[in-house]
Amino acid sequence: MKFGLLVSAGPYTHQASDTAYQFASAAIAKGHEVQRVFFYHDGVYNGTRLTEPPQDDRHIVNRWSALAKEHGVDLVVCVAAALRRGIKDEVLAPGFRISGLGQLVDSGIKADRFVTFGD
């Protein structure tokens, strides 16, 4: 089964990003495909390499980057939401890219299931 995910909450302000990551990891482990994760609204903060959590805390951004590298998951940050929050290409973490809402629509069309996490 192909999944598309939408994450609309920041990495340390809400459980949504952690839950989305765990969902994606579990789906892949069961043999499903997570074709794209689209980060929207405050969810775009999941894609910045400027995040530096305390050493004893989880590093959500690095988790997403590793998932993209290991499993080819397309991590897309909404351009409009990112620019409103001062996030540009040069501050993106590895594995993330900036694109428009067309990628969100495309994911919804191509996925068997589209799951949202956050507000």
PDB file of N, CA and C in Angstrom:
ATOM      1  N   MET A   1       0.841  -1.173   0.000  1.00  0.00           N
ATOM      2  CA  MET A   1       0.000   0.000   0.000  1.00  0.00           C
ATOM      3  C   MET A   1       0.889   1.241   0.000  1.00  0.00           C
ATOM      4  N   LYS A   2       0.491   2.253  -0.751  1.00  0.00           N
ATOM      5  CA  LYS A   2       1.216   3.520  -0.793  1.00  0.00           C
ATOM      6  C   LYS A   2       0.569   4.516   0.150  1.00  0.00           C
ATOM      7  N   PHE A   3       1.393   5.133   0.989  1.00  0.00           N
ATOM      8  CA  PHE A   3       0.915   6.155   1.909  1.00  0.00           C
ATOM      9  C   PHE A   3       1.484   7.510   1.539  1.00  0.00           C
ATOM     10  N   GLY A   4       0.669   8.520   1.696  1.00  0.00           N
ATOM     11  CA  GLY A   4       1.102   9.906   1.658  1.00  0.00           C
ATOM     12  C   GLY A   4       0.799  10.499   3.023  1.00  0.00           C
ATOM     13  N   LEU A   5       1.701  11.314   3.551  1.00  0.00           N
ATOM     14  CA  LEU A   5       1.504  11.881   4.881  1.00  0.00           C
ATOM     15  C   LEU A   5       1.559  13.397   4.819  1.00  0.00           C
ATOM     16  N   LEU A   6       0.785  14.032   5.669  1.00  0.00           N
ATOM     17  CA  LEU A   6       0.812  15.479   5.849  1.00  0.00           C
ATOM     18  C   LEU A   6       1.110  15.761   7.314  1.00  0.00           C
ATOM     19  N   VAL A   7       2.150  16.555   7.568  1.00  0.00           N
ATOM     20  CA  VAL A   7       2.516  16.942   8.933  1.00  0.00           C
ATOM     21  C   VAL A   7       2.386  18.460   9.021  1.00  0.00           C
ATOM     22  N   SER A   8       1.514  18.921   9.913  1.00  0.00           N
ATOM     23  CA  SER A   8       1.270  20.365  10.002  1.00  0.00           C
ATOM     24  C   SER A   8       1.584  20.950  11.373  1.00  0.00           C
ATOM     25  N   ALA A   9       2.354  20.242  12.166  1.00  0.00           N
ATOM     26  CA  ALA A   9       2.741  20.751  13.491  1.00  0.00           C
ATOM     27  C   ALA A   9       4.260  20.677  13.633  1.00  0.00           C
ATOM     28  N   GLY A  10       4.803  21.598  14.396  1.00  0.00           N
ATOM     29  CA  GLY A  10       6.246  21.651  14.608  1.00  0.00           C
ATOM     30  C   GLY A  10       6.771  20.450  15.364  1.00  0.00           C
ATOM     31  N   PRO A  11       8.078  20.221  15.278  1.00  0.00           N
ATOM     32  CA  PRO A  11       8.657  19.012  15.850  1.00  0.00           C
ATOM     33  C   PRO A  11       8.665  18.947  17.373  1.00  0.00           C
ATOM     34  N   TYR A  12       8.652  20.063  18.058  1.00  0.00           N
ATOM     35  CA  TYR A  12       8.743  20.021  19.518  1.00  0.00           C
ATOM     36  C   TYR A  12       7.580  20.724  20.213  1.00  0.00           C
ATOM     37  N   THR A  13       6.536  21.041  19.464  1.00  0.00           N
ATOM     38  CA  THR A  13       5.386  21.718  20.059  1.00  0.00           C
ATOM     39  C   THR A  13       4.164  20.824  20.154  1.00  0.00           C
ATOM     40  N   HIS A  14       4.225  19.679  19.518  1.00  0.00           N
ATOM     41  CA  HIS A  14       3.066  18.805  19.430  1.00  0.00           C
ATOM     42  C   HIS A  14       3.563  17.386  19.160  1.00  0.00           C
ATOM     43  N   GLN A  15       2.804  16.405  19.494  1.00  0.00           N
ATOM     44  CA  GLN A  15       3.164  15.003  19.279  1.00  0.00           C
ATOM     45  C   GLN A  15       3.050  14.582  17.815  1.00  0.00           C
ATOM     46  N   ALA A  16       2.451  15.407  16.982  1.00  0.00           N
ATOM     47  CA  ALA A  16       2.145  15.022  15.606  1.00  0.00           C
ATOM     48  C   ALA A  16       3.359  14.560  14.813  1.00  0.00           C
ATOM     49  N   SER A  17       4.462  15.258  14.914  1.00  0.00           N
ATOM     50  CA  SER A  17       5.643  14.888  14.136  1.00  0.00           C
ATOM     51  C   SER A  17       6.202  13.544  14.583  1.00  0.00           C
ATOM     52  N   ASP A  18       6.288  13.328  15.884  1.00  0.00           N
ATOM     53  CA  ASP A  18       6.749  12.034  16.399  1.00  0.00           C
ATOM     54  C   ASP A  18       5.832  10.910  15.931  1.00  0.00           C
ATOM     55  N   THR A  19       4.528  11.140  16.013  1.00  0.00           N
ATOM     56  CA  THR A  19       3.563  10.120  15.616  1.00  0.00           C
ATOM     57  C   THR A  19       3.658   9.840  14.122  1.00  0.00           C
ATOM     58  N   ALA A  20       3.807  10.879  13.318  1.00  0.00           N
ATOM     59  CA  ALA A  20       3.946  10.702  11.868  1.00  0.00           C
ATOM     60  C   ALA A  20       5.203   9.904  11.545  1.00  0.00           C
ATOM     61  N   TYR A  21       6.294  10.227  12.215  1.00  0.00           N
ATOM     62  CA  TYR A  21       7.545   9.503  11.986  1.00  0.00           C
ATOM     63  C   TYR A  21       7.389   8.028  12.369  1.00  0.00           C
ATOM     64  N   GLN A  22       6.804   7.769  13.530  1.00  0.00           N
ATOM     65  CA  GLN A  22       6.603   6.384  13.973  1.00  0.00           C
ATOM     66  C   GLN A  22       5.682   5.628  13.018  1.00  0.00           C
ATOM     67  N   PHE A  23       4.653   6.303  12.543  1.00  0.00           N
ATOM     68  CA  PHE A  23       3.736   5.694  11.573  1.00  0.00           C
ATOM     69  C   PHE A  23       4.485   5.331  10.297  1.00  0.00           C
ATOM     70  N   ALA A  24       5.264   6.273   9.772  1.00  0.00           N
ATOM     71  CA  ALA A  24       6.021   6.038   8.537  1.00  0.00           C
ATOM     72  C   ALA A  24       6.997   4.884   8.716  1.00  0.00           C
ATOM     73  N   SER A  25       7.719   4.867   9.821  1.00  0.00           N
ATOM     74  CA  SER A  25       8.679   3.798  10.089  1.00  0.00           C
ATOM     75  C   SER A  25       7.996   2.440  10.180  1.00  0.00           C
ATOM     76  N   ALA A  26       6.870   2.390  10.875  1.00  0.00           N
ATOM     77  CA  ALA A  26       6.135   1.127  11.030  1.00  0.00           C
ATOM     78  C   ALA A  26       5.569   0.658   9.693  1.00  0.00           C
ATOM     79  N   ALA A  27       5.057   1.574   8.900  1.00  0.00           N
ATOM     80  CA  ALA A  27       4.503   1.210   7.590  1.00  0.00           C
ATOM     81  C   ALA A  27       5.588   0.621   6.695  1.00  0.00           C
ATOM     82  N   ILE A  28       6.752   1.262   6.683  1.00  0.00           N
ATOM     83  CA  ILE A  28       7.868   0.767   5.873  1.00  0.00           C
ATOM     84  C   ILE A  28       8.322  -0.603   6.371  1.00  0.00           C
ATOM     85  N   ALA A  29       8.393  -0.766   7.686  1.00  0.00           N
ATOM     86  CA  ALA A  29       8.808  -2.044   8.259  1.00  0.00           C
ATOM     87  C   ALA A  29       7.851  -3.179   7.878  1.00  0.00           C
ATOM     88  N   LYS A  30       6.592  -2.843   7.653  1.00  0.00           N
ATOM     89  CA  LYS A  30       5.592  -3.847   7.265  1.00  0.00           C
ATOM     90  C   LYS A  30       5.525  -4.053   5.752  1.00  0.00           C
ATOM     91  N   GLY A  31       6.423  -3.377   5.020  1.00  0.00           N
ATOM     92  CA  GLY A  31       6.477  -3.577   3.580  1.00  0.00           C
ATOM     93  C   GLY A  31       5.676  -2.597   2.750  1.00  0.00           C
ATOM     94  N   HIS A  32       5.108  -1.594   3.385  1.00  0.00           N
ATOM     95  CA  HIS A  32       4.360  -0.577   2.651  1.00  0.00           C
ATOM     96  C   HIS A  32       5.308   0.512   2.154  1.00  0.00           C
ATOM     97  N   GLU A  33       4.814   1.355   1.289  1.00  0.00           N
ATOM     98  CA  GLU A  33       5.601   2.468   0.754  1.00  0.00           C
ATOM     99  C   GLU A  33       5.071   3.788   1.296  1.00  0.00           C
ATOM    100  N   VAL A  34       5.971   4.602   1.803  1.00  0.00           N
ATOM    101  CA  VAL A  34       5.623   5.976   2.155  1.00  0.00           C
ATOM    102  C   VAL A  34       6.242   6.819   1.053  1.00  0.00           C
ATOM    103  N   GLN A  35       5.412   7.238   0.123  1.00  0.00           N
ATOM    104  CA  GLN A  35       5.924   7.914  -1.064  1.00  0.00           C
ATOM    105  C   GLN A  35       6.335   9.352  -0.788  1.00  0.00           C
ATOM    106  N   ARG A  36       5.609  10.037   0.076  1.00  0.00           N
ATOM    107  CA  ARG A  36       5.925  11.434   0.339  1.00  0.00           C
ATOM    108  C   ARG A  36       5.376  11.855   1.701  1.00  0.00           C
ATOM    109  N   VAL A  37       6.151  12.722   2.363  1.00  0.00           N
ATOM    110  CA  VAL A  37       5.672  13.399   3.566  1.00  0.00           C
ATOM    111  C   VAL A  37       5.706  14.885   3.238  1.00  0.00           C
ATOM    112  N   PHE A  38       4.557  15.524   3.320  1.00  0.00           N
ATOM    113  CA  PHE A  38       4.442  16.949   3.023  1.00  0.00           C
ATOM    114  C   PHE A  38       4.323  17.706   4.342  1.00  0.00           C
ATOM    115  N   PHE A  39       5.209  18.666   4.542  1.00  0.00           N
ATOM    116  CA  PHE A  39       5.239  19.452   5.767  1.00  0.00           C
ATOM    117  C   PHE A  39       4.617  20.818   5.485  1.00  0.00           C
ATOM    118  N   TYR A  40       3.578  21.142   6.244  1.00  0.00           N
ATOM    119  CA  TYR A  40       2.767  22.329   5.985  1.00  0.00           C
ATOM    120  C   TYR A  40       2.583  23.108   7.285  1.00  0.00           C
ATOM    121  N   HIS A  41       2.231  24.357   7.199  1.00  0.00           N
ATOM    122  CA  HIS A  41       2.079  25.241   8.363  1.00  0.00           C
ATOM    123  C   HIS A  41       3.333  25.147   9.238  1.00  0.00           C
ATOM    124  N   ASP A  42       3.176  25.018  10.562  1.00  0.00           N
ATOM    125  CA  ASP A  42       4.349  24.926  11.437  1.00  0.00           C
ATOM    126  C   ASP A  42       5.117  23.615  11.247  1.00  0.00           C
ATOM    127  N   GLY A  43       4.557  22.689  10.519  1.00  0.00           N
ATOM    128  CA  GLY A  43       5.249  21.444  10.211  1.00  0.00           C
ATOM    129  C   GLY A  43       6.532  21.665   9.422  1.00  0.00           C
ATOM    130  N   VAL A  44       6.658  22.822   8.777  1.00  0.00           N
ATOM    131  CA  VAL A  44       7.879  23.098   8.006  1.00  0.00           C
ATOM    132  C   VAL A  44       9.109  23.160   8.908  1.00  0.00           C
ATOM    133  N   TYR A  45       8.918  23.411  10.200  1.00  0.00           N
ATOM    134  CA  TYR A  45      10.053  23.430  11.126  1.00  0.00           C
ATOM    135  C   TYR A  45      10.714  22.058  11.264  1.00  0.00           C
ATOM    136  N   ASN A  46      10.033  21.005  10.837  1.00  0.00           N
ATOM    137  CA  ASN A  46      10.633  19.672  10.842  1.00  0.00           C
ATOM    138  C   ASN A  46      11.776  19.561   9.849  1.00  0.00           C
ATOM    139  N   GLY A  47      11.863  20.484   8.908  1.00  0.00           N
ATOM    140  CA  GLY A  47      12.838  20.394   7.846  1.00  0.00           C
ATOM    141  C   GLY A  47      14.063  21.272   7.979  1.00  0.00           C
ATOM    142  N   THR A  48      14.211  21.996   9.084  1.00  0.00           N
ATOM    143  CA  THR A  48      15.354  22.890   9.209  1.00  0.00           C
ATOM    144  C   THR A  48      16.523  22.235   9.935  1.00  0.00           C
ATOM    145  N   ARG A  49      17.696  22.393   9.371  1.00  0.00           N
ATOM    146  CA  ARG A  49      18.909  21.838   9.988  1.00  0.00           C
ATOM    147  C   ARG A  49      19.379  22.688  11.164  1.00  0.00           C
ATOM    148  N   LEU A  50      18.722  23.803  11.417  1.00  0.00           N
ATOM    149  CA  LEU A  50      19.108  24.687  12.521  1.00  0.00           C
ATOM    150  C   LEU A  50      18.598  24.194  13.874  1.00  0.00           C
ATOM    151  N   THR A  51      17.796  23.146  13.865  1.00  0.00           N
ATOM    152  CA  THR A  51      17.266  22.574  15.095  1.00  0.00           C
ATOM    153  C   THR A  51      18.372  21.885  15.884  1.00  0.00           C
ATOM    154  N   GLU A  52      18.508  22.239  17.158  1.00  0.00           N
ATOM    155  CA  GLU A  52      19.503  21.591  18.020  1.00  0.00           C
ATOM    156  C   GLU A  52      18.881  21.269  19.373  1.00  0.00           C
ATOM    157  N   PRO A  53      18.232  20.113  19.469  1.00  0.00           N
ATOM    158  CA  PRO A  53      17.635  19.732  20.756  1.00  0.00           C
ATOM    159  C   PRO A  53      18.718  19.359  21.764  1.00  0.00           C
ATOM    160  N   PRO A  54      18.388  19.343  23.050  1.00  0.00           N
ATOM    161  CA  PRO A  54      19.351  18.905  24.066  1.00  0.00           C
ATOM    162  C   PRO A  54      19.816  17.480  23.777  1.00  0.00           C
ATOM    163  N   GLN A  55      21.010  17.145  24.245  1.00  0.00           N
ATOM    164  CA  GLN A  55      21.595  15.832  23.959  1.00  0.00           C
ATOM    165  C   GLN A  55      20.744  14.663  24.445  1.00  0.00           C
ATOM    166  N   ASP A  56      19.966  14.878  25.505  1.00  0.00           N
ATOM    167  CA  ASP A  56      19.169  13.780  26.042  1.00  0.00           C
ATOM    168  C   ASP A  56      17.770  13.711  25.424  1.00  0.00           C
ATOM    169  N   ASP A  57      17.515  14.515  24.401  1.00  0.00           N
ATOM    170  CA  ASP A  57      16.213  14.543  23.733  1.00  0.00           C
ATOM    171  C   ASP A  57      16.344  13.932  22.340  1.00  0.00           C
ATOM    172  N   ARG A  58      15.231  13.517  21.781  1.00  0.00           N
ATOM    173  CA  ARG A  58      15.250  12.957  20.430  1.00  0.00           C
ATOM    174  C   ARG A  58      15.475  14.078  19.423  1.00  0.00           C
ATOM    175  N   HIS A  59      16.111  13.748  18.302  1.00  0.00           N
ATOM    176  CA  HIS A  59      16.370  14.728  17.250  1.00  0.00           C
ATOM    177  C   HIS A  59      15.462  14.373  16.073  1.00  0.00           C
ATOM    178  N   ILE A  60      14.273  14.950  16.072  1.00  0.00           N
ATOM    179  CA  ILE A  60      13.247  14.587  15.103  1.00  0.00           C
ATOM    180  C   ILE A  60      13.685  14.875  13.667  1.00  0.00           C
ATOM    181  N   VAL A  61      14.338  16.001  13.456  1.00  0.00           N
ATOM    182  CA  VAL A  61      14.785  16.356  12.105  1.00  0.00           C
ATOM    183  C   VAL A  61      15.745  15.300  11.563  1.00  0.00           C
ATOM    184  N   ASN A  62      16.691  14.871  12.377  1.00  0.00           N
ATOM    185  CA  ASN A  62      17.629  13.835  11.953  1.00  0.00           C
ATOM    186  C   ASN A  62      16.922  12.512  11.667  1.00  0.00           C
ATOM    187  N   ARG A  63      15.882  12.223  12.420  1.00  0.00           N
ATOM    188  CA  ARG A  63      15.121  10.996  12.175  1.00  0.00           C
ATOM    189  C   ARG A  63      14.486  11.036  10.781  1.00  0.00           C
ATOM    190  N   TRP A  64      13.870  12.180  10.447  1.00  0.00           N
ATOM    191  CA  TRP A  64      13.260  12.318   9.123  1.00  0.00           C
ATOM    192  C   TRP A  64      14.321  12.205   8.027  1.00  0.00           C
ATOM    193  N   SER A  65      15.458  12.855   8.226  1.00  0.00           N
ATOM    194  CA  SER A  65      16.536  12.801   7.225  1.00  0.00           C
ATOM    195  C   SER A  65      17.006  11.365   7.015  1.00  0.00           C
ATOM    196  N   ALA A  66      17.157  10.629   8.088  1.00  0.00           N
ATOM    197  CA  ALA A  66      17.595   9.233   7.988  1.00  0.00           C
ATOM    198  C   ALA A  66      16.550   8.389   7.254  1.00  0.00           C
ATOM    199  N   LEU A  67      15.286   8.632   7.518  1.00  0.00           N
ATOM    200  CA  LEU A  67      14.216   7.892   6.846  1.00  0.00           C
ATOM    201  C   LEU A  67      14.262   8.144   5.338  1.00  0.00           C
ATOM    202  N   ALA A  68      14.493   9.391   4.954  1.00  0.00           N
ATOM    203  CA  ALA A  68      14.584   9.733   3.530  1.00  0.00           C
ATOM    204  C   ALA A  68      15.772   9.036   2.885  1.00  0.00           C
ATOM    205  N   LYS A  69      16.900   9.055   3.575  1.00  0.00           N
ATOM    206  CA  LYS A  69      18.118   8.464   3.026  1.00  0.00           C
ATOM    207  C   LYS A  69      18.003   6.943   2.900  1.00  0.00           C
ATOM    208  N   GLU A  70      17.477   6.299   3.925  1.00  0.00           N
ATOM    209  CA  GLU A  70      17.418   4.844   3.958  1.00  0.00           C
ATOM    210  C   GLU A  70      16.313   4.246   3.101  1.00  0.00           C
ATOM    211  N   HIS A  71      15.199   4.979   2.942  1.00  0.00           N
ATOM    212  CA  HIS A  71      14.039   4.397   2.275  1.00  0.00           C
ATOM    213  C   HIS A  71      13.526   5.211   1.088  1.00  0.00           C
ATOM    214  N   GLY A  72      14.212   6.275   0.739  1.00  0.00           N
ATOM    215  CA  GLY A  72      13.816   7.065  -0.416  1.00  0.00           C
ATOM    216  C   GLY A  72      12.515   7.814  -0.261  1.00  0.00           C
ATOM    217  N   VAL A  73      12.157   8.152   0.965  1.00  0.00           N
ATOM    218  CA  VAL A  73      10.929   8.903   1.204  1.00  0.00           C
ATOM    219  C   VAL A  73      11.144  10.355   0.775  1.00  0.00           C
ATOM    220  N   ASP A  74      10.219  10.886   0.007  1.00  0.00           N
ATOM    221  CA  ASP A  74      10.277  12.263  -0.470  1.00  0.00           C
ATOM    222  C   ASP A  74       9.758  13.181   0.643  1.00  0.00           C
ATOM    223  N   LEU A  75      10.634  14.030   1.177  1.00  0.00           N
ATOM    224  CA  LEU A  75      10.266  14.961   2.247  1.00  0.00           C
ATOM    225  C   LEU A  75      10.127  16.353   1.641  1.00  0.00           C
ATOM    226  N   VAL A  76       8.891  16.848   1.560  1.00  0.00           N
ATOM    227  CA  VAL A  76       8.609  18.110   0.892  1.00  0.00           C
ATOM    228  C   VAL A  76       8.121  19.146   1.900  1.00  0.00           C
ATOM    229  N   VAL A  77       8.786  20.295   1.888  1.00  0.00           N
ATOM    230  CA  VAL A  77       8.424  21.425   2.744  1.00  0.00           C
ATOM    231  C   VAL A  77       7.668  22.429   1.880  1.00  0.00           C
ATOM    232  N   CYS A  78       6.499  22.849   2.317  1.00  0.00           N
ATOM    233  CA  CYS A  78       5.687  23.812   1.572  1.00  0.00           C
ATOM    234  C   CYS A  78       6.423  25.145   1.437  1.00  0.00           C
ATOM    235  N   VAL A  79       6.571  25.625   0.219  1.00  0.00           N
ATOM    236  CA  VAL A  79       7.327  26.847  -0.039  1.00  0.00           C
ATOM    237  C   VAL A  79       6.703  28.064   0.636  1.00  0.00           C
ATOM    238  N   ALA A  80       5.402  28.232   0.543  1.00  0.00           N
ATOM    239  CA  ALA A  80       4.758  29.415   1.125  1.00  0.00           C
ATOM    240  C   ALA A  80       4.858  29.411   2.649  1.00  0.00           C
ATOM    241  N   ALA A  81       4.582  28.263   3.250  1.00  0.00           N
ATOM    242  CA  ALA A  81       4.664  28.165   4.710  1.00  0.00           C
ATOM    243  C   ALA A  81       6.099  28.345   5.187  1.00  0.00           C
ATOM    244  N   ALA A  82       7.054  27.815   4.428  1.00  0.00           N
ATOM    245  CA  ALA A  82       8.467  27.930   4.804  1.00  0.00           C
ATOM    246  C   ALA A  82       8.934  29.383   4.736  1.00  0.00           C
ATOM    247  N   LEU A  83       8.633  30.052   3.646  1.00  0.00           N
ATOM    248  CA  LEU A  83       9.079  31.438   3.496  1.00  0.00           C
ATOM    249  C   LEU A  83       8.470  32.351   4.555  1.00  0.00           C
ATOM    250  N   ARG A  84       7.222  32.102   4.932  1.00  0.00           N
ATOM    251  CA  ARG A  84       6.588  32.889   5.998  1.00  0.00           C
ATOM    252  C   ARG A  84       7.325  32.738   7.322  1.00  0.00           C
ATOM    253  N   ARG A  85       8.023  31.621   7.473  1.00  0.00           N
ATOM    254  CA  ARG A  85       8.725  31.325   8.725  1.00  0.00           C
ATOM    255  C   ARG A  85      10.244  31.473   8.589  1.00  0.00           C
ATOM    256  N   GLY A  86      10.681  32.054   7.492  1.00  0.00           N
ATOM    257  CA  GLY A  86      12.105  32.321   7.305  1.00  0.00           C
ATOM    258  C   GLY A  86      12.934  31.112   6.931  1.00  0.00           C
ATOM    259  N   ILE A  87      12.304  30.076   6.421  1.00  0.00           N
ATOM    260  CA  ILE A  87      13.020  28.860   6.044  1.00  0.00           C
ATOM    261  C   ILE A  87      13.235  28.869   4.539  1.00  0.00           C
ATOM    262  N   LYS A  88      14.497  28.790   4.144  1.00  0.00           N
ATOM    263  CA  LYS A  88      14.867  28.764   2.728  1.00  0.00           C
ATOM    264  C   LYS A  88      15.708  27.521   2.462  1.00  0.00           C
ATOM    265  N   ASP A  89      16.009  27.293   1.195  1.00  0.00           N
ATOM    266  CA  ASP A  89      16.778  26.096   0.797  1.00  0.00           C
ATOM    267  C   ASP A  89      18.052  25.910   1.604  1.00  0.00           C
ATOM    268  N   GLU A  90      18.755  27.013   1.870  1.00  0.00           N
ATOM    269  CA  GLU A  90      20.062  26.901   2.527  1.00  0.00           C
ATOM    270  C   GLU A  90      19.988  26.413   3.978  1.00  0.00           C
ATOM    271  N   VAL A  91      18.824  26.414   4.591  1.00  0.00           N
ATOM    272  CA  VAL A  91      18.721  25.921   5.971  1.00  0.00           C
ATOM    273  C   VAL A  91      18.002  24.572   6.065  1.00  0.00           C
ATOM    274  N   LEU A  92      17.713  23.955   4.930  1.00  0.00           N
ATOM    275  CA  LEU A  92      17.038  22.661   4.959  1.00  0.00           C
ATOM    276  C   LEU A  92      17.999  21.558   5.385  1.00  0.00           C
ATOM    277  N   ALA A  93      17.469  20.630   6.143  1.00  0.00           N
ATOM    278  CA  ALA A  93      18.223  19.443   6.554  1.00  0.00           C
ATOM    279  C   ALA A  93      18.347  18.500   5.358  1.00  0.00           C
ATOM    280  N   PRO A  94      19.309  17.595   5.379  1.00  0.00           N
ATOM    281  CA  PRO A  94      19.463  16.631   4.289  1.00  0.00           C
ATOM    282  C   PRO A  94      18.182  15.826   4.078  1.00  0.00           C
ATOM    283  N   GLY A  95      17.844  15.614   2.813  1.00  0.00           N
ATOM    284  CA  GLY A  95      16.666  14.820   2.473  1.00  0.00           C
ATOM    285  C   GLY A  95      15.401  15.625   2.261  1.00  0.00           C
ATOM    286  N   PHE A  96      15.390  16.879   2.684  1.00  0.00           N
ATOM    287  CA  PHE A  96      14.222  17.739   2.525  1.00  0.00           C
ATOM    288  C   PHE A  96      14.369  18.595   1.277  1.00  0.00           C
ATOM    289  N   ARG A  97      13.245  18.945   0.686  1.00  0.00           N
ATOM    290  CA  ARG A  97      13.240  19.892  -0.427  1.00  0.00           C
ATOM    291  C   ARG A  97      12.019  20.795  -0.304  1.00  0.00           C
ATOM    292  N   ILE A  98      12.115  21.971  -0.893  1.00  0.00           N
ATOM    293  CA  ILE A  98      11.011  22.926  -0.874  1.00  0.00           C
ATOM    294  C   ILE A  98      10.250  22.819  -2.184  1.00  0.00           C
ATOM    295  N   SER A  99       8.935  22.794  -2.099  1.00  0.00           N
ATOM    296  CA  SER A  99       8.093  22.763  -3.283  1.00  0.00           C
ATOM    297  C   SER A  99       6.715  23.313  -2.924  1.00  0.00           C
ATOM    298  N   GLY A 100       5.831  23.326  -3.896  1.00  0.00           N
ATOM    299  CA  GLY A 100       4.515  23.913  -3.699  1.00  0.00           C
ATOM    300  C   GLY A 100       3.426  22.917  -3.353  1.00  0.00           C
ATOM    301  N   LEU A 101       2.220  23.443  -3.240  1.00  0.00           N
ATOM    302  CA  LEU A 101       1.065  22.628  -2.869  1.00  0.00           C
ATOM    303  C   LEU A 101       0.714  21.575  -3.919  1.00  0.00           C
ATOM    304  N   GLY A 102       1.226  21.747  -5.132  1.00  0.00           N
ATOM    305  CA  GLY A 102       0.999  20.728  -6.155  1.00  0.00           C
ATOM    306  C   GLY A 102       1.525  19.374  -5.723  1.00  0.00           C
ATOM    307  N   GLN A 103       2.612  19.364  -4.942  1.00  0.00           N
ATOM    308  CA  GLN A 103       3.163  18.107  -4.440  1.00  0.00           C
ATOM    309  C   GLN A 103       2.224  17.452  -3.433  1.00  0.00           C
ATOM    310  N   LEU A 104       1.505  18.277  -2.675  1.00  0.00           N
ATOM    311  CA  LEU A 104       0.512  17.755  -1.732  1.00  0.00           C
ATOM    312  C   LEU A 104      -0.641  17.109  -2.491  1.00  0.00           C
ATOM    313  N   VAL A 105      -1.131  17.802  -3.498  1.00  0.00           N
ATOM    314  CA  VAL A 105      -2.226  17.272  -4.316  1.00  0.00           C
ATOM    315  C   VAL A 105      -1.790  15.986  -5.019  1.00  0.00           C
ATOM    316  N   ASP A 106      -0.595  15.993  -5.595  1.00  0.00           N
ATOM    317  CA  ASP A 106      -0.055  14.818  -6.277  1.00  0.00           C
ATOM    318  C   ASP A 106       0.029  13.619  -5.340  1.00  0.00           C
ATOM    319  N   SER A 107       0.462  13.869  -4.130  1.00  0.00           N
ATOM    320  CA  SER A 107       0.563  12.794  -3.144  1.00  0.00           C
ATOM    321  C   SER A 107      -0.812  12.218  -2.821  1.00  0.00           C
ATOM    322  N   GLY A 108      -1.796  13.096  -2.658  1.00  0.00           N
ATOM    323  CA  GLY A 108      -3.155  12.640  -2.375  1.00  0.00           C
ATOM    324  C   GLY A 108      -3.744  11.808  -3.501  1.00  0.00           C
ATOM    325  N   ILE A 109      -3.382  12.152  -4.723  1.00  0.00           N
ATOM    326  CA  ILE A 109      -3.887  11.416  -5.889  1.00  0.00           C
ATOM    327  C   ILE A 109      -3.218  10.056  -6.006  1.00  0.00           C
ATOM    328  N   LYS A 110      -1.902  10.008  -5.821  1.00  0.00           N
ATOM    329  CA  LYS A 110      -1.141   8.777  -6.050  1.00  0.00           C
ATOM    330  C   LYS A 110      -1.167   7.789  -4.881  1.00  0.00           C
ATOM    331  N   ALA A 111      -1.446   8.279  -3.692  1.00  0.00           N
ATOM    332  CA  ALA A 111      -1.438   7.404  -2.515  1.00  0.00           C
ATOM    333  C   ALA A 111      -2.731   6.597  -2.419  1.00  0.00           C
ATOM    334  N   ASP A 112      -2.599   5.390  -1.881  1.00  0.00           N
ATOM    335  CA  ASP A 112      -3.783   4.591  -1.572  1.00  0.00           C
ATOM    336  C   ASP A 112      -4.479   5.141  -0.327  1.00  0.00           C
ATOM    337  N   ARG A 113      -3.663   5.626   0.593  1.00  0.00           N
ATOM    338  CA  ARG A 113      -4.167   6.237   1.830  1.00  0.00           C
ATOM    339  C   ARG A 113      -3.375   7.506   2.103  1.00  0.00           C
ATOM    340  N   PHE A 114      -4.069   8.562   2.501  1.00  0.00           N
ATOM    341  CA  PHE A 114      -3.409   9.823   2.838  1.00  0.00           C
ATOM    342  C   PHE A 114      -3.758  10.132   4.287  1.00  0.00           C
ATOM    343  N   VAL A 115      -2.737  10.274   5.123  1.00  0.00           N
ATOM    344  CA  VAL A 115      -2.940  10.418   6.561  1.00  0.00           C
ATOM    345  C   VAL A 115      -2.364  11.767   7.005  1.00  0.00           C
ATOM    346  N   THR A 116      -3.147  12.493   7.813  1.00  0.00           N
ATOM    347  CA  THR A 116      -2.687  13.793   8.301  1.00  0.00           C
ATOM    348  C   THR A 116      -2.341  13.726   9.784  1.00  0.00           C
ATOM    349  N   PHE A 117      -1.339  14.503  10.165  1.00  0.00           N
ATOM    350  CA  PHE A 117      -0.883  14.565  11.546  1.00  0.00           C
ATOM    351  C   PHE A 117      -0.751  16.034  11.922  1.00  0.00           C
ATOM    352  N   GLY A 118      -1.423  16.441  12.969  1.00  0.00           N
ATOM    353  CA  GLY A 118      -1.357  17.827  13.427  1.00  0.00           C
ATOM    354  C   GLY A 118      -2.683  18.530  13.315  1.00  0.00           C
ATOM    355  N   ASP A 119      -2.617  19.826  13.460  1.00  0.00           N
ATOM    356  CA  ASP A 119      -3.820  20.670  13.525  1.00  0.00           C
ATOM    357  C   ASP A 119      -4.723  20.508  12.327  1.00  0.00           C
TER     358      ASP A 119
END
